[in-house]
Each structure stands twice: as C-alpha cells, then as structure tokens.
Amino acid sequence: WLLMDSGDSLVVLNTHLASNHLSSEERSHYHH
C-alpha cells in the first residue's frame, strides 16, 4: 500500500506466477 501525494492510497501487487520449471537442457530441447 502506497500513500500518494494526493492522500489517496494505491495498492501495488508485485506478482511472480509459477514458471514452467524447465531445466536448461529441457529449454534447449524445447528450442529444437
């Protein structure tokens, strides 16, 4: 929650959803 200069609040949602969990070798295979 951020307090803006206007006095209003702003809710910032910092989001990191699940990755595909591919190893570097699997990413290389996916590339091919």
PDB file of all heavy atoms in Angstrom:
ATOM      1  N   TRP A   1       0.858  -1.188   0.000  1.00  0.00           N
ATOM      2  CA  TRP A   1       0.000   0.000   0.000  1.00  0.00           C
ATOM      3  C   TRP A   1       0.895   1.239   0.000  1.00  0.00           C
ATOM      4  O   TRP A   1       1.729   1.420   0.903  1.00  0.00           O
ATOM      5  CB  TRP A   1      -0.885   0.022   1.233  1.00  0.00           C
ATOM      6  CG  TRP A   1      -2.117  -0.839   1.139  1.00  0.00           C
ATOM      7  CD1 TRP A   1      -3.391  -0.430   0.906  1.00  0.00           C
ATOM      8  CD2 TRP A   1      -2.185  -2.270   1.317  1.00  0.00           C
ATOM      9  NE1 TRP A   1      -4.259  -1.508   0.911  1.00  0.00           N
ATOM     10  CE2 TRP A   1      -3.542  -2.645   1.161  1.00  0.00           C
ATOM     11  CE3 TRP A   1      -1.238  -3.263   1.569  1.00  0.00           C
ATOM     12  CZ2 TRP A   1      -3.972  -3.963   1.264  1.00  0.00           C
ATOM     13  CZ3 TRP A   1      -1.663  -4.580   1.667  1.00  0.00           C
ATOM     14  CH2 TRP A   1      -3.017  -4.917   1.514  1.00  0.00           C
ATOM     15  N   LEU A   2       0.707   2.110  -0.988  1.00  0.00           N
ATOM     16  CA  LEU A   2       1.493   3.333  -1.098  1.00  0.00           C
ATOM     17  C   LEU A   2       0.615   4.541  -0.796  1.00  0.00           C
ATOM     18  O   LEU A   2      -0.540   4.611  -1.245  1.00  0.00           O
ATOM     19  CB  LEU A   2       2.084   3.484  -2.504  1.00  0.00           C
ATOM     20  CG  LEU A   2       2.819   2.281  -3.103  1.00  0.00           C
ATOM     21  CD1 LEU A   2       3.433   2.663  -4.442  1.00  0.00           C
ATOM     22  CD2 LEU A   2       3.881   1.744  -2.149  1.00  0.00           C
ATOM     23  N   LEU A   3       1.160   5.500  -0.061  1.00  0.00           N
ATOM     24  CA  LEU A   3       0.445   6.741   0.232  1.00  0.00           C
ATOM     25  C   LEU A   3       0.859   7.774  -0.811  1.00  0.00           C
ATOM     26  O   LEU A   3       1.990   8.256  -0.830  1.00  0.00           O
ATOM     27  CB  LEU A   3       0.791   7.231   1.637  1.00  0.00           C
ATOM     28  CG  LEU A   3       0.052   8.499   2.096  1.00  0.00           C
ATOM     29  CD1 LEU A   3      -1.457   8.266   2.149  1.00  0.00           C
ATOM     30  CD2 LEU A   3       0.577   8.939   3.465  1.00  0.00           C
ATOM     31  N   MET A   4      -0.071   8.104  -1.713  1.00  0.00           N
ATOM     32  CA  MET A   4       0.235   9.016  -2.801  1.00  0.00           C
ATOM     33  C   MET A   4       0.240  10.465  -2.323  1.00  0.00           C
ATOM     34  O   MET A   4      -0.252  10.783  -1.232  1.00  0.00           O
ATOM     35  CB  MET A   4      -0.779   8.838  -3.935  1.00  0.00           C
ATOM     36  CG  MET A   4      -0.952   7.388  -4.389  1.00  0.00           C
ATOM     37  SD  MET A   4       0.594   6.661  -4.986  1.00  0.00           S
ATOM     38  CE  MET A   4       0.763   7.501  -6.567  1.00  0.00           C
ATOM     39  N   ASP A   5       0.782  11.364  -3.149  1.00  0.00           N
ATOM     40  CA  ASP A   5       0.852  12.780  -2.777  1.00  0.00           C
ATOM     41  C   ASP A   5      -0.533  13.384  -2.573  1.00  0.00           C
ATOM     42  O   ASP A   5      -0.703  14.330  -1.802  1.00  0.00           O
ATOM     43  CB  ASP A   5       1.590  13.560  -3.876  1.00  0.00           C
ATOM     44  CG  ASP A   5       3.058  13.186  -3.945  1.00  0.00           C
ATOM     45  OD1 ASP A   5       3.579  12.667  -2.941  1.00  0.00           O
ATOM     46  OD2 ASP A   5       3.667  13.407  -5.009  1.00  0.00           O
ATOM     47  N   SER A   6      -1.538  12.815  -3.278  1.00  0.00           N
ATOM     48  CA  SER A   6      -2.912  13.314  -3.157  1.00  0.00           C
ATOM     49  C   SER A   6      -3.566  12.910  -1.844  1.00  0.00           C
ATOM     50  O   SER A   6      -4.643  13.390  -1.500  1.00  0.00           O
ATOM     51  CB  SER A   6      -3.748  12.776  -4.320  1.00  0.00           C
ATOM     52  OG  SER A   6      -3.803  11.356  -4.269  1.00  0.00           O
ATOM     53  N   GLY A   7      -2.920  11.989  -1.115  1.00  0.00           N
ATOM     54  CA  GLY A   7      -3.513  11.452   0.113  1.00  0.00           C
ATOM     55  C   GLY A   7      -4.250  10.159  -0.107  1.00  0.00           C
ATOM     56  O   GLY A   7      -4.623   9.480   0.860  1.00  0.00           O
ATOM     57  N   ASP A   8      -4.486   9.791  -1.374  1.00  0.00           N
ATOM     58  CA  ASP A   8      -5.119   8.512  -1.683  1.00  0.00           C
ATOM     59  C   ASP A   8      -4.103   7.381  -1.536  1.00  0.00           C
ATOM     60  O   ASP A   8      -2.885   7.598  -1.566  1.00  0.00           O
ATOM     61  CB  ASP A   8      -5.660   8.508  -3.117  1.00  0.00           C
ATOM     62  CG  ASP A   8      -6.809   9.483  -3.304  1.00  0.00           C
ATOM     63  OD1 ASP A   8      -7.465   9.811  -2.304  1.00  0.00           O
ATOM     64  OD2 ASP A   8      -7.043   9.909  -4.445  1.00  0.00           O
ATOM     65  N   SER A   9      -4.632   6.171  -1.408  1.00  0.00           N
ATOM     66  CA  SER A   9      -3.751   5.010  -1.350  1.00  0.00           C
ATOM     67  C   SER A   9      -3.786   4.270  -2.679  1.00  0.00           C
ATOM     68  O   SER A   9      -4.798   4.243  -3.377  1.00  0.00           O
ATOM     69  CB  SER A   9      -4.158   4.066  -0.212  1.00  0.00           C
ATOM     70  OG  SER A   9      -5.436   3.515  -0.448  1.00  0.00           O
ATOM     71  N   LEU A  10      -2.664   3.705  -3.022  1.00  0.00           N
ATOM     72  CA  LEU A  10      -2.518   2.888  -4.225  1.00  0.00           C
ATOM     73  C   LEU A  10      -2.009   1.525  -3.798  1.00  0.00           C
ATOM     74  O   LEU A  10      -1.021   1.428  -3.066  1.00  0.00           O
ATOM     75  CB  LEU A  10      -1.525   3.549  -5.190  1.00  0.00           C
ATOM     76  CG  LEU A  10      -1.032   2.699  -6.361  1.00  0.00           C
ATOM     77  CD1 LEU A  10      -2.172   2.370  -7.314  1.00  0.00           C
ATOM     78  CD2 LEU A  10       0.097   3.434  -7.110  1.00  0.00           C
ATOM     79  N   VAL A  11      -2.697   0.476  -4.246  1.00  0.00           N
ATOM     80  CA  VAL A  11      -2.274  -0.883  -3.928  1.00  0.00           C
ATOM     81  C   VAL A  11      -1.478  -1.426  -5.113  1.00  0.00           C
ATOM     82  O   VAL A  11      -1.989  -1.512  -6.233  1.00  0.00           O
ATOM     83  CB  VAL A  11      -3.471  -1.803  -3.634  1.00  0.00           C
ATOM     84  CG1 VAL A  11      -2.982  -3.196  -3.235  1.00  0.00           C
ATOM     85  CG2 VAL A  11      -4.347  -1.208  -2.542  1.00  0.00           C
ATOM     86  N   VAL A  12      -0.215  -1.754  -4.861  1.00  0.00           N
ATOM     87  CA  VAL A  12       0.656  -2.326  -5.888  1.00  0.00           C
ATOM     88  C   VAL A  12       0.825  -3.809  -5.604  1.00  0.00           C
ATOM     89  O   VAL A  12       1.254  -4.193  -4.508  1.00  0.00           O
ATOM     90  CB  VAL A  12       2.033  -1.624  -5.895  1.00  0.00           C
ATOM     91  CG1 VAL A  12       2.959  -2.288  -6.909  1.00  0.00           C
ATOM     92  CG2 VAL A  12       1.872  -0.142  -6.218  1.00  0.00           C
ATOM     93  N   LEU A  13       0.474  -4.625  -6.590  1.00  0.00           N
ATOM     94  CA  LEU A  13       0.597  -6.069  -6.442  1.00  0.00           C
ATOM     95  C   LEU A  13       1.789  -6.547  -7.267  1.00  0.00           C
ATOM     96  O   LEU A  13       1.737  -6.589  -8.499  1.00  0.00           O
ATOM     97  CB  LEU A  13      -0.685  -6.768  -6.909  1.00  0.00           C
ATOM     98  CG  LEU A  13      -1.946  -6.450  -6.091  1.00  0.00           C
ATOM     99  CD1 LEU A  13      -3.169  -7.088  -6.729  1.00  0.00           C
ATOM    100  CD2 LEU A  13      -1.794  -6.929  -4.663  1.00  0.00           C
ATOM    101  N   ASN A  14       2.870  -6.866  -6.564  1.00  0.00           N
ATOM    102  CA  ASN A  14       4.072  -7.389  -7.210  1.00  0.00           C
ATOM    103  C   ASN A  14       3.900  -8.896  -7.351  1.00  0.00           C
ATOM    104  O   ASN A  14       3.817  -9.622  -6.346  1.00  0.00           O
ATOM    105  CB  ASN A  14       5.301  -7.047  -6.366  1.00  0.00           C
ATOM    106  CG  ASN A  14       6.597  -7.400  -7.061  1.00  0.00           C
ATOM    107  OD1 ASN A  14       6.618  -7.924  -8.162  1.00  0.00           O
ATOM    108  ND2 ASN A  14       7.710  -7.108  -6.392  1.00  0.00           N
ATOM    109  N   THR A  15       3.857  -9.366  -8.595  1.00  0.00           N
ATOM    110  CA  THR A  15       3.389 -10.726  -8.867  1.00  0.00           C
ATOM    111  C   THR A  15       4.440 -11.550  -9.597  1.00  0.00           C
ATOM    112  O   THR A  15       5.056 -11.078 -10.563  1.00  0.00           O
ATOM    113  CB  THR A  15       2.104 -10.678  -9.734  1.00  0.00           C
ATOM    114  OG1 THR A  15       1.160  -9.804  -9.108  1.00  0.00           O
ATOM    115  CG2 THR A  15       1.498 -12.051  -9.905  1.00  0.00           C
ATOM    116  N   HIS A  16       4.640 -12.778  -9.143  1.00  0.00           N
ATOM    117  CA  HIS A  16       5.522 -13.721  -9.832  1.00  0.00           C
ATOM    118  C   HIS A  16       4.819 -15.076  -9.859  1.00  0.00           C
ATOM    119  O   HIS A  16       4.869 -15.835  -8.887  1.00  0.00           O
ATOM    120  CB  HIS A  16       6.873 -13.827  -9.114  1.00  0.00           C
ATOM    121  CG  HIS A  16       7.888 -14.639  -9.860  1.00  0.00           C
ATOM    122  ND1 HIS A  16       9.067 -15.071  -9.280  1.00  0.00           N
ATOM    123  CD2 HIS A  16       7.911 -15.113 -11.132  1.00  0.00           C
ATOM    124  CE1 HIS A  16       9.757 -15.769 -10.163  1.00  0.00           C
ATOM    125  NE2 HIS A  16       9.079 -15.804 -11.294  1.00  0.00           N
ATOM    126  N   LEU A  17       4.144 -15.350 -10.971  1.00  0.00           N
ATOM    127  CA  LEU A  17       3.418 -16.613 -11.109  1.00  0.00           C
ATOM    128  C   LEU A  17       4.382 -17.743 -11.450  1.00  0.00           C
ATOM    129  O   LEU A  17       5.523 -17.515 -11.842  1.00  0.00           O
ATOM    130  CB  LEU A  17       2.331 -16.497 -12.181  1.00  0.00           C
ATOM    131  CG  LEU A  17       1.281 -15.392 -11.986  1.00  0.00           C
ATOM    132  CD1 LEU A  17       0.194 -15.502 -13.058  1.00  0.00           C
ATOM    133  CD2 LEU A  17       0.667 -15.438 -10.592  1.00  0.00           C
ATOM    134  N   ALA A  18       3.902 -18.957 -11.332  1.00  0.00           N
ATOM    135  CA  ALA A  18       4.745 -20.147 -11.469  1.00  0.00           C
ATOM    136  C   ALA A  18       5.404 -20.223 -12.844  1.00  0.00           C
ATOM    137  O   ALA A  18       4.783 -19.937 -13.873  1.00  0.00           O
ATOM    138  CB  ALA A  18       3.907 -21.404 -11.230  1.00  0.00           C
ATOM    139  N   SER A  19       6.662 -20.609 -12.852  1.00  0.00           N
ATOM    140  CA  SER A  19       7.381 -20.804 -14.111  1.00  0.00           C
ATOM    141  C   SER A  19       7.049 -22.187 -14.662  1.00  0.00           C
ATOM    142  O   SER A  19       6.346 -22.982 -14.038  1.00  0.00           O
ATOM    143  CB  SER A  19       8.883 -20.674 -13.890  1.00  0.00           C
ATOM    144  OG  SER A  19       9.379 -21.812 -13.206  1.00  0.00           O
ATOM    145  N   ASN A  20       7.597 -22.472 -15.843  1.00  0.00           N
ATOM    146  CA  ASN A  20       7.359 -23.782 -16.464  1.00  0.00           C
ATOM    147  C   ASN A  20       8.278 -24.870 -15.908  1.00  0.00           C
ATOM    148  O   ASN A  20       8.165 -26.031 -16.299  1.00  0.00           O
ATOM    149  CB  ASN A  20       7.542 -23.679 -17.985  1.00  0.00           C
ATOM    150  CG  ASN A  20       6.455 -22.864 -18.629  1.00  0.00           C
ATOM    151  OD1 ASN A  20       5.279 -22.995 -18.298  1.00  0.00           O
ATOM    152  ND2 ASN A  20       6.830 -22.002 -19.559  1.00  0.00           N
ATOM    153  N   HIS A  21       9.208 -24.482 -15.031  1.00  0.00           N
ATOM    154  CA  HIS A  21      10.098 -25.442 -14.350  1.00  0.00           C
ATOM    155  C   HIS A  21      10.906 -26.280 -15.334  1.00  0.00           C
ATOM    156  O   HIS A  21      11.151 -27.468 -15.096  1.00  0.00           O
ATOM    157  CB  HIS A  21       9.284 -26.365 -13.427  1.00  0.00           C
ATOM    158  CG  HIS A  21       8.395 -25.641 -12.469  1.00  0.00           C
ATOM    159  ND1 HIS A  21       8.868 -24.788 -11.502  1.00  0.00           N
ATOM    160  CD2 HIS A  21       7.031 -25.620 -12.344  1.00  0.00           C
ATOM    161  CE1 HIS A  21       7.850 -24.282 -10.812  1.00  0.00           C
ATOM    162  NE2 HIS A  21       6.737 -24.756 -11.314  1.00  0.00           N
ATOM    163  N   LEU A  22      11.339 -25.678 -16.436  1.00  0.00           N
ATOM    164  CA  LEU A  22      12.167 -26.390 -17.402  1.00  0.00           C
ATOM    165  C   LEU A  22      13.641 -26.189 -17.055  1.00  0.00           C
ATOM    166  O   LEU A  22      14.078 -25.060 -16.796  1.00  0.00           O
ATOM    167  CB  LEU A  22      11.904 -25.880 -18.824  1.00  0.00           C
ATOM    168  CG  LEU A  22      10.485 -26.045 -19.379  1.00  0.00           C
ATOM    169  CD1 LEU A  22      10.425 -25.524 -20.806  1.00  0.00           C
ATOM    170  CD2 LEU A  22      10.023 -27.489 -19.313  1.00  0.00           C
ATOM    171  N   SER A  23      14.400 -27.274 -17.056  1.00  0.00           N
ATOM    172  CA  SER A  23      15.837 -27.167 -16.855  1.00  0.00           C
ATOM    173  C   SER A  23      16.473 -26.554 -18.098  1.00  0.00           C
ATOM    174  O   SER A  23      15.834 -26.430 -19.149  1.00  0.00           O
ATOM    175  CB  SER A  23      16.436 -28.556 -16.590  1.00  0.00           C
ATOM    176  OG  SER A  23      16.291 -29.367 -17.752  1.00  0.00           O
ATOM    177  N   SER A  24      17.753 -26.174 -18.000  1.00  0.00           N
ATOM    178  CA  SER A  24      18.443 -25.596 -19.157  1.00  0.00           C
ATOM    179  C   SER A  24      18.497 -26.603 -20.310  1.00  0.00           C
ATOM    180  O   SER A  24      18.370 -26.232 -21.486  1.00  0.00           O
ATOM    181  CB  SER A  24      19.855 -25.156 -18.775  1.00  0.00           C
ATOM    182  OG  SER A  24      20.588 -26.243 -18.233  1.00  0.00           O
ATOM    183  N   GLU A  25      18.650 -27.881 -19.976  1.00  0.00           N
ATOM    184  CA  GLU A  25      18.664 -28.921 -21.005  1.00  0.00           C
ATOM    185  C   GLU A  25      17.290 -29.047 -21.668  1.00  0.00           C
ATOM    186  O   GLU A  25      17.188 -29.199 -22.891  1.00  0.00           O
ATOM    187  CB  GLU A  25      19.068 -30.262 -20.384  1.00  0.00           C
ATOM    188  CG  GLU A  25      19.208 -31.386 -21.403  1.00  0.00           C
ATOM    189  CD  GLU A  25      19.618 -32.702 -20.759  1.00  0.00           C
ATOM    190  OE1 GLU A  25      19.896 -32.710 -19.545  1.00  0.00           O
ATOM    191  OE2 GLU A  25      19.648 -33.718 -21.475  1.00  0.00           O
ATOM    192  N   GLU A  26      16.233 -28.965 -20.862  1.00  0.00           N
ATOM    193  CA  GLU A  26      14.880 -29.050 -21.414  1.00  0.00           C
ATOM    194  C   GLU A  26      14.547 -27.820 -22.257  1.00  0.00           C
ATOM    195  O   GLU A  26      13.869 -27.924 -23.283  1.00  0.00           O
ATOM    196  CB  GLU A  26      13.863 -29.219 -20.284  1.00  0.00           C
ATOM    197  CG  GLU A  26      13.896 -30.594 -19.656  1.00  0.00           C
ATOM    198  CD  GLU A  26      13.039 -30.687 -18.403  1.00  0.00           C
ATOM    199  OE1 GLU A  26      12.895 -29.657 -17.703  1.00  0.00           O
ATOM    200  OE2 GLU A  26      12.520 -31.778 -18.120  1.00  0.00           O
ATOM    201  N   ARG A  27      15.044 -26.653 -21.844  1.00  0.00           N
ATOM    202  CA  ARG A  27      14.831 -25.456 -22.656  1.00  0.00           C
ATOM    203  C   ARG A  27      15.520 -25.593 -24.003  1.00  0.00           C
ATOM    204  O   ARG A  27      14.997 -25.168 -25.038  1.00  0.00           O
ATOM    205  CB  ARG A  27      15.364 -24.221 -21.924  1.00  0.00           C
ATOM    206  CG  ARG A  27      14.485 -23.757 -20.773  1.00  0.00           C
ATOM    207  CD  ARG A  27      15.062 -22.508 -20.143  1.00  0.00           C
ATOM    208  NE  ARG A  27      14.262 -22.075 -19.003  1.00  0.00           N
ATOM    209  CZ  ARG A  27      14.587 -21.066 -18.202  1.00  0.00           C
ATOM    210  NH1 ARG A  27      15.702 -20.389 -18.433  1.00  0.00           N
ATOM    211  NH2 ARG A  27      13.809 -20.737 -17.191  1.00  0.00           N
ATOM    212  N   SER A  28      16.715 -26.170 -23.990  1.00  0.00           N
ATOM    213  CA  SER A  28      17.431 -26.386 -25.244  1.00  0.00           C
ATOM    214  C   SER A  28      16.654 -27.341 -26.147  1.00  0.00           C
ATOM    215  O   SER A  28      16.543 -27.121 -27.358  1.00  0.00           O
ATOM    216  CB  SER A  28      18.825 -26.941 -24.946  1.00  0.00           C
ATOM    217  OG  SER A  28      19.521 -27.220 -26.147  1.00  0.00           O
ATOM    218  N   HIS A  29      16.105 -28.400 -25.555  1.00  0.00           N
ATOM    219  CA  HIS A  29      15.304 -29.343 -26.341  1.00  0.00           C
ATOM    220  C   HIS A  29      14.042 -28.671 -26.869  1.00  0.00           C
ATOM    221  O   HIS A  29      13.638 -28.898 -28.018  1.00  0.00           O
ATOM    222  CB  HIS A  29      14.924 -30.554 -25.480  1.00  0.00           C
ATOM    223  CG  HIS A  29      14.193 -31.624 -26.238  1.00  0.00           C
ATOM    224  ND1 HIS A  29      14.824 -32.520 -27.062  1.00  0.00           N
ATOM    225  CD2 HIS A  29      12.857 -31.914 -26.313  1.00  0.00           C
ATOM    226  CE1 HIS A  29      13.935 -33.331 -27.605  1.00  0.00           C
ATOM    227  NE2 HIS A  29      12.734 -32.976 -27.164  1.00  0.00           N
ATOM    228  N   TYR A  30      13.429 -27.830 -26.033  1.00  0.00           N
ATOM    229  CA  TYR A  30      12.237 -27.091 -26.475  1.00  0.00           C
ATOM    230  C   TYR A  30      12.591 -26.179 -27.649  1.00  0.00           C
ATOM    231  O   TYR A  30      11.805 -26.027 -28.593  1.00  0.00           O
ATOM    232  CB  TYR A  30      11.683 -26.275 -25.310  1.00  0.00           C
ATOM    233  CG  TYR A  30      10.470 -25.443 -25.661  1.00  0.00           C
ATOM    234  CD1 TYR A  30       9.217 -26.020 -25.744  1.00  0.00           C
ATOM    235  CD2 TYR A  30      10.591 -24.072 -25.909  1.00  0.00           C
ATOM    236  CE1 TYR A  30       8.097 -25.261 -26.065  1.00  0.00           C
ATOM    237  CE2 TYR A  30       9.491 -23.305 -26.236  1.00  0.00           C
ATOM    238  CZ  TYR A  30       8.243 -23.910 -26.302  1.00  0.00           C
ATOM    239  OH  TYR A  30       7.152 -23.151 -26.637  1.00  0.00           O
ATOM    240  N   HIS A  31      13.784 -25.577 -27.600  1.00  0.00           N
ATOM    241  CA  HIS A  31      14.247 -24.728 -28.692  1.00  0.00           C
ATOM    242  C   HIS A  31      14.296 -25.523 -30.002  1.00  0.00           C
ATOM    243  O   HIS A  31      13.815 -25.060 -31.046  1.00  0.00           O
ATOM    244  CB  HIS A  31      15.624 -24.172 -28.350  1.00  0.00           C
ATOM    245  CG  HIS A  31      16.288 -23.402 -29.440  1.00  0.00           C
ATOM    246  ND1 HIS A  31      15.923 -22.123 -29.770  1.00  0.00           N
ATOM    247  CD2 HIS A  31      17.285 -23.743 -30.312  1.00  0.00           C
ATOM    248  CE1 HIS A  31      16.658 -21.695 -30.781  1.00  0.00           C
ATOM    249  NE2 HIS A  31      17.497 -22.659 -31.124  1.00  0.00           N
ATOM    250  N   HIS A  32      14.857 -26.727 -29.937  1.00  0.00           N
ATOM    251  CA  HIS A  32      14.925 -27.568 -31.146  1.00  0.00           C
ATOM    252  C   HIS A  32      13.540 -28.045 -31.567  1.00  0.00           C
ATOM    253  O   HIS A  32      13.251 -28.173 -32.758  1.00  0.00           O
ATOM    254  CB  HIS A  32      15.844 -28.762 -30.894  1.00  0.00           C
ATOM    255  CG  HIS A  32      17.293 -28.388 -30.725  1.00  0.00           C
ATOM    256  ND1 HIS A  32      18.020 -27.752 -31.704  1.00  0.00           N
ATOM    257  CD2 HIS A  32      18.135 -28.540 -29.665  1.00  0.00           C
ATOM    258  CE1 HIS A  32      19.256 -27.538 -31.280  1.00  0.00           C
ATOM    259  NE2 HIS A  32      19.348 -27.999 -30.038  1.00  0.00           N
TER     260      HIS A  32
END
